[in-house]
Amino acid sequence: MAANWDSSLNRWEITVVNDEETTETYTVTEIIDDEYQLSEINHVASPVDVEWKTPIIEEPDEEIQGGIPGFPTGALVVGILLVTIILYPIKRLR
């Protein structure tokens, strides 16, 4: 599996997809550099263990199904009513 250099993040990256919970170990075993003809490996950061876990997908509470995420519909309605009640008399005084 070949890694690609990301010059903006200043690191080597690989793309891996895994559908199972497992731990994979990645080790640099060889380098091929066409630009500078580098061939030595310094194993300061190798090997790297990556633990794959199943993502936890939480179902939203039924109460939070309002128009604004995180705000129950009832709270939105009460808020709108309060704003209307407070601002209506101010508007009439002008």
N, C-alpha and C. Protein backbone atom coordinates (compact mmCIF):
# COMPACT_ATOMS: atom_id res chain seq x y z
N MET A 1 0.86 -1.16 0.00
CA MET A 1 0.00 0.00 0.00
C MET A 1 0.91 1.22 0.00
N ALA A 2 0.72 2.11 -0.94
CA ALA A 2 1.57 3.28 -1.07
C ALA A 2 0.98 4.48 -0.34
N ALA A 3 1.85 5.25 0.30
CA ALA A 3 1.44 6.48 0.97
C ALA A 3 1.72 7.66 0.05
N ASN A 4 0.97 8.73 0.26
CA ASN A 4 1.16 9.96 -0.52
C ASN A 4 1.54 11.09 0.41
N TRP A 5 2.43 11.95 -0.05
CA TRP A 5 2.88 13.07 0.76
C TRP A 5 1.89 14.22 0.64
N ASP A 6 1.42 14.73 1.78
CA ASP A 6 0.54 15.90 1.82
C ASP A 6 1.40 17.09 2.22
N SER A 7 1.77 17.92 1.26
CA SER A 7 2.69 19.03 1.54
C SER A 7 2.04 20.12 2.38
N SER A 8 0.72 20.26 2.35
CA SER A 8 0.07 21.28 3.18
C SER A 8 0.06 20.88 4.65
N LEU A 9 -0.08 19.57 4.94
CA LEU A 9 -0.07 19.09 6.32
C LEU A 9 1.30 18.56 6.74
N ASN A 10 2.21 18.48 5.77
CA ASN A 10 3.58 18.05 6.03
C ASN A 10 3.63 16.64 6.63
N ARG A 11 2.91 15.69 5.98
CA ARG A 11 2.89 14.32 6.47
C ARG A 11 2.54 13.35 5.35
N TRP A 12 2.88 12.09 5.58
CA TRP A 12 2.50 11.01 4.67
C TRP A 12 1.12 10.51 5.04
N GLU A 13 0.30 10.17 4.05
CA GLU A 13 -1.06 9.71 4.32
C GLU A 13 -1.39 8.51 3.44
N ILE A 14 -2.22 7.61 3.99
CA ILE A 14 -2.80 6.52 3.22
C ILE A 14 -4.30 6.51 3.48
N THR A 15 -5.07 6.02 2.54
CA THR A 15 -6.51 5.89 2.71
C THR A 15 -6.83 4.42 2.89
N VAL A 16 -7.51 4.12 4.00
CA VAL A 16 -7.84 2.74 4.33
C VAL A 16 -9.31 2.68 4.69
N VAL A 17 -10.00 1.64 4.22
CA VAL A 17 -11.41 1.43 4.55
C VAL A 17 -11.51 0.06 5.21
N ASN A 18 -12.25 0.00 6.32
CA ASN A 18 -12.39 -1.26 7.03
C ASN A 18 -13.81 -1.35 7.59
N ASP A 19 -14.50 -2.45 7.37
CA ASP A 19 -15.87 -2.63 7.84
C ASP A 19 -15.96 -3.44 9.13
N GLU A 20 -14.84 -3.87 9.67
CA GLU A 20 -14.84 -4.73 10.86
C GLU A 20 -14.10 -4.05 12.00
N GLU A 21 -14.51 -4.36 13.25
CA GLU A 21 -13.77 -3.88 14.41
C GLU A 21 -12.50 -4.71 14.53
N THR A 22 -11.38 -4.04 14.49
CA THR A 22 -10.10 -4.73 14.54
C THR A 22 -9.01 -3.72 14.85
N THR A 23 -7.81 -4.18 15.08
CA THR A 23 -6.65 -3.32 15.20
C THR A 23 -5.68 -3.70 14.10
N GLU A 24 -5.28 -2.73 13.32
CA GLU A 24 -4.33 -2.94 12.23
C GLU A 24 -3.02 -2.26 12.59
N THR A 25 -1.92 -2.90 12.24
CA THR A 25 -0.60 -2.33 12.47
C THR A 25 0.02 -1.98 11.12
N TYR A 26 0.47 -0.73 11.00
CA TYR A 26 1.08 -0.26 9.76
C TYR A 26 2.55 0.03 10.03
N THR A 27 3.40 -0.49 9.16
CA THR A 27 4.84 -0.34 9.29
C THR A 27 5.43 0.08 7.95
N VAL A 28 6.32 1.05 8.00
CA VAL A 28 7.02 1.45 6.78
C VAL A 28 8.07 0.39 6.50
N THR A 29 8.00 -0.22 5.33
CA THR A 29 8.95 -1.28 4.99
C THR A 29 9.89 -0.90 3.85
N GLU A 30 9.49 0.11 3.07
CA GLU A 30 10.32 0.48 1.93
C GLU A 30 9.95 1.89 1.51
N ILE A 31 10.92 2.62 1.01
CA ILE A 31 10.62 3.93 0.41
C ILE A 31 11.20 3.97 -0.99
N ILE A 32 10.49 4.65 -1.85
CA ILE A 32 10.96 4.88 -3.21
C ILE A 32 10.77 6.36 -3.48
N ASP A 33 11.87 7.07 -3.71
CA ASP A 33 11.82 8.51 -3.92
C ASP A 33 12.47 8.84 -5.25
N ASP A 34 11.64 9.21 -6.21
CA ASP A 34 12.16 9.52 -7.55
C ASP A 34 12.82 10.91 -7.61
N GLU A 35 12.43 11.79 -6.69
CA GLU A 35 12.96 13.16 -6.75
C GLU A 35 14.35 13.27 -6.15
N TYR A 36 14.56 12.70 -4.94
CA TYR A 36 15.84 12.83 -4.25
C TYR A 36 16.59 11.51 -4.12
N GLN A 37 16.04 10.43 -4.65
CA GLN A 37 16.64 9.10 -4.60
C GLN A 37 16.95 8.67 -3.16
N LEU A 38 16.02 8.97 -2.22
CA LEU A 38 16.19 8.53 -0.84
C LEU A 38 15.87 7.04 -0.74
N SER A 39 16.59 6.35 0.13
CA SER A 39 16.32 4.92 0.28
C SER A 39 16.44 4.44 1.73
N GLU A 40 16.85 5.30 2.66
CA GLU A 40 17.00 4.91 4.06
C GLU A 40 15.69 5.15 4.81
N ILE A 41 15.39 4.26 5.77
CA ILE A 41 14.19 4.38 6.59
C ILE A 41 14.60 4.62 8.03
N ASN A 42 14.00 5.64 8.66
CA ASN A 42 14.21 5.91 10.08
C ASN A 42 12.90 5.53 10.78
N HIS A 43 12.90 4.47 11.56
CA HIS A 43 11.68 3.93 12.16
C HIS A 43 11.31 4.59 13.50
N VAL A 44 11.46 5.89 13.60
CA VAL A 44 11.13 6.59 14.84
C VAL A 44 9.64 6.49 15.14
N ALA A 45 8.78 6.59 14.13
CA ALA A 45 7.33 6.58 14.35
C ALA A 45 6.66 5.30 13.89
N SER A 46 7.43 4.27 13.63
CA SER A 46 6.85 3.04 13.09
C SER A 46 7.10 1.91 14.07
N PRO A 47 6.24 0.95 14.25
CA PRO A 47 4.95 0.78 13.59
C PRO A 47 3.85 1.62 14.28
N VAL A 48 2.73 1.76 13.58
CA VAL A 48 1.58 2.50 14.10
C VAL A 48 0.39 1.55 14.17
N ASP A 49 -0.24 1.49 15.34
CA ASP A 49 -1.45 0.68 15.52
C ASP A 49 -2.68 1.56 15.37
N VAL A 50 -3.62 1.12 14.55
CA VAL A 50 -4.87 1.84 14.34
C VAL A 50 -6.01 0.93 14.77
N GLU A 51 -6.81 1.41 15.72
CA GLU A 51 -7.93 0.63 16.23
C GLU A 51 -9.21 1.06 15.50
N TRP A 52 -9.85 0.10 14.85
CA TRP A 52 -11.10 0.36 14.12
C TRP A 52 -12.26 -0.02 15.02
N LYS A 53 -13.21 0.90 15.17
CA LYS A 53 -14.39 0.64 15.98
C LYS A 53 -15.64 0.98 15.18
N THR A 54 -16.74 0.32 15.55
CA THR A 54 -18.02 0.62 14.92
C THR A 54 -18.50 1.98 15.41
N PRO A 55 -18.88 2.88 14.49
CA PRO A 55 -19.36 4.19 14.94
C PRO A 55 -20.66 4.08 15.72
N ILE A 56 -20.81 4.93 16.71
CA ILE A 56 -22.04 4.97 17.51
C ILE A 56 -22.97 5.99 16.88
N ILE A 57 -24.11 5.53 16.42
CA ILE A 57 -25.10 6.42 15.81
C ILE A 57 -26.26 6.54 16.77
N GLU A 58 -26.43 7.72 17.32
CA GLU A 58 -27.50 7.95 18.28
C GLU A 58 -28.74 8.47 17.58
N GLU A 59 -29.87 7.91 17.93
CA GLU A 59 -31.15 8.39 17.41
C GLU A 59 -31.56 9.64 18.18
N PRO A 60 -32.02 10.68 17.49
CA PRO A 60 -32.43 11.89 18.21
C PRO A 60 -33.67 11.64 19.04
N ASP A 61 -33.79 12.37 20.15
CA ASP A 61 -34.99 12.30 20.97
C ASP A 61 -36.18 12.79 20.15
N GLU A 62 -37.33 12.18 20.39
CA GLU A 62 -38.53 12.60 19.65
C GLU A 62 -38.87 14.06 19.92
N GLU A 63 -38.54 14.53 21.12
CA GLU A 63 -38.87 15.90 21.50
C GLU A 63 -38.06 16.91 20.71
N ILE A 64 -36.90 16.51 20.18
CA ILE A 64 -36.02 17.44 19.49
C ILE A 64 -36.31 17.49 17.99
N GLN A 65 -37.43 17.05 17.55
CA GLN A 65 -37.75 17.02 16.13
C GLN A 65 -38.31 18.36 15.64
N GLY A 66 -38.06 19.46 16.34
CA GLY A 66 -38.57 20.77 15.95
C GLY A 66 -37.84 21.30 14.73
N GLY A 67 -38.15 22.55 14.38
CA GLY A 67 -37.57 23.14 13.19
C GLY A 67 -36.12 23.54 13.35
N ILE A 68 -35.67 23.76 14.59
CA ILE A 68 -34.28 24.13 14.84
C ILE A 68 -33.66 23.01 15.66
N PRO A 69 -32.59 22.39 15.17
CA PRO A 69 -31.97 21.29 15.89
C PRO A 69 -31.58 21.71 17.31
N GLY A 70 -31.93 20.90 18.27
CA GLY A 70 -31.59 21.18 19.66
C GLY A 70 -32.66 21.92 20.43
N PHE A 71 -33.69 22.40 19.75
CA PHE A 71 -34.77 23.12 20.42
C PHE A 71 -36.07 22.38 20.20
N PRO A 72 -36.74 21.94 21.28
CA PRO A 72 -38.03 21.27 21.12
C PRO A 72 -39.06 22.23 20.51
N THR A 73 -39.99 21.67 19.77
CA THR A 73 -41.02 22.47 19.10
C THR A 73 -41.80 23.32 20.10
N GLY A 74 -42.14 22.76 21.25
CA GLY A 74 -42.89 23.50 22.26
C GLY A 74 -42.14 24.74 22.73
N ALA A 75 -40.84 24.61 22.93
CA ALA A 75 -40.04 25.75 23.38
C ALA A 75 -40.00 26.84 22.32
N LEU A 76 -39.95 26.45 21.07
CA LEU A 76 -39.97 27.44 19.98
C LEU A 76 -41.29 28.20 19.95
N VAL A 77 -42.40 27.49 20.09
CA VAL A 77 -43.72 28.13 20.07
C VAL A 77 -43.86 29.08 21.24
N VAL A 78 -43.47 28.66 22.44
CA VAL A 78 -43.56 29.52 23.62
C VAL A 78 -42.68 30.75 23.44
N GLY A 79 -41.49 30.58 22.91
CA GLY A 79 -40.58 31.71 22.67
C GLY A 79 -41.17 32.72 21.71
N ILE A 80 -41.77 32.25 20.64
CA ILE A 80 -42.40 33.15 19.67
C ILE A 80 -43.56 33.89 20.30
N LEU A 81 -44.36 33.19 21.09
CA LEU A 81 -45.49 33.85 21.77
C LEU A 81 -45.01 34.92 22.74
N LEU A 82 -43.96 34.63 23.51
CA LEU A 82 -43.44 35.61 24.46
C LEU A 82 -42.91 36.85 23.75
N VAL A 83 -42.18 36.66 22.67
CA VAL A 83 -41.66 37.80 21.92
C VAL A 83 -42.81 38.63 21.37
N THR A 84 -43.85 37.99 20.86
CA THR A 84 -45.00 38.70 20.32
C THR A 84 -45.71 39.49 21.42
N ILE A 85 -45.90 38.87 22.57
CA ILE A 85 -46.59 39.53 23.68
C ILE A 85 -45.78 40.72 24.19
N ILE A 86 -44.47 40.59 24.24
CA ILE A 86 -43.62 41.67 24.75
C ILE A 86 -43.51 42.81 23.74
N LEU A 87 -43.33 42.49 22.46
CA LEU A 87 -43.09 43.52 21.46
C LEU A 87 -44.36 44.18 20.97
N TYR A 88 -45.50 43.53 21.03
CA TYR A 88 -46.75 44.10 20.52
C TYR A 88 -47.12 45.40 21.25
N PRO A 89 -47.07 45.42 22.59
CA PRO A 89 -47.41 46.68 23.27
C PRO A 89 -46.40 47.79 22.97
N ILE A 90 -45.12 47.45 22.80
CA ILE A 90 -44.11 48.47 22.49
C ILE A 90 -44.40 49.09 21.13
N LYS A 91 -44.78 48.27 20.16
CA LYS A 91 -45.08 48.75 18.82
C LYS A 91 -46.30 49.67 18.84
N ARG A 92 -47.31 49.36 19.68
CA ARG A 92 -48.53 50.17 19.74
C ARG A 92 -48.24 51.54 20.36
N LEU A 93 -47.20 51.64 21.24
CA LEU A 93 -46.91 52.91 21.89
C LEU A 93 -46.25 53.90 20.95
N ARG A 94 -45.67 53.46 19.90
CA ARG A 94 -44.96 54.35 18.96
C ARG A 94 -45.88 55.11 18.09
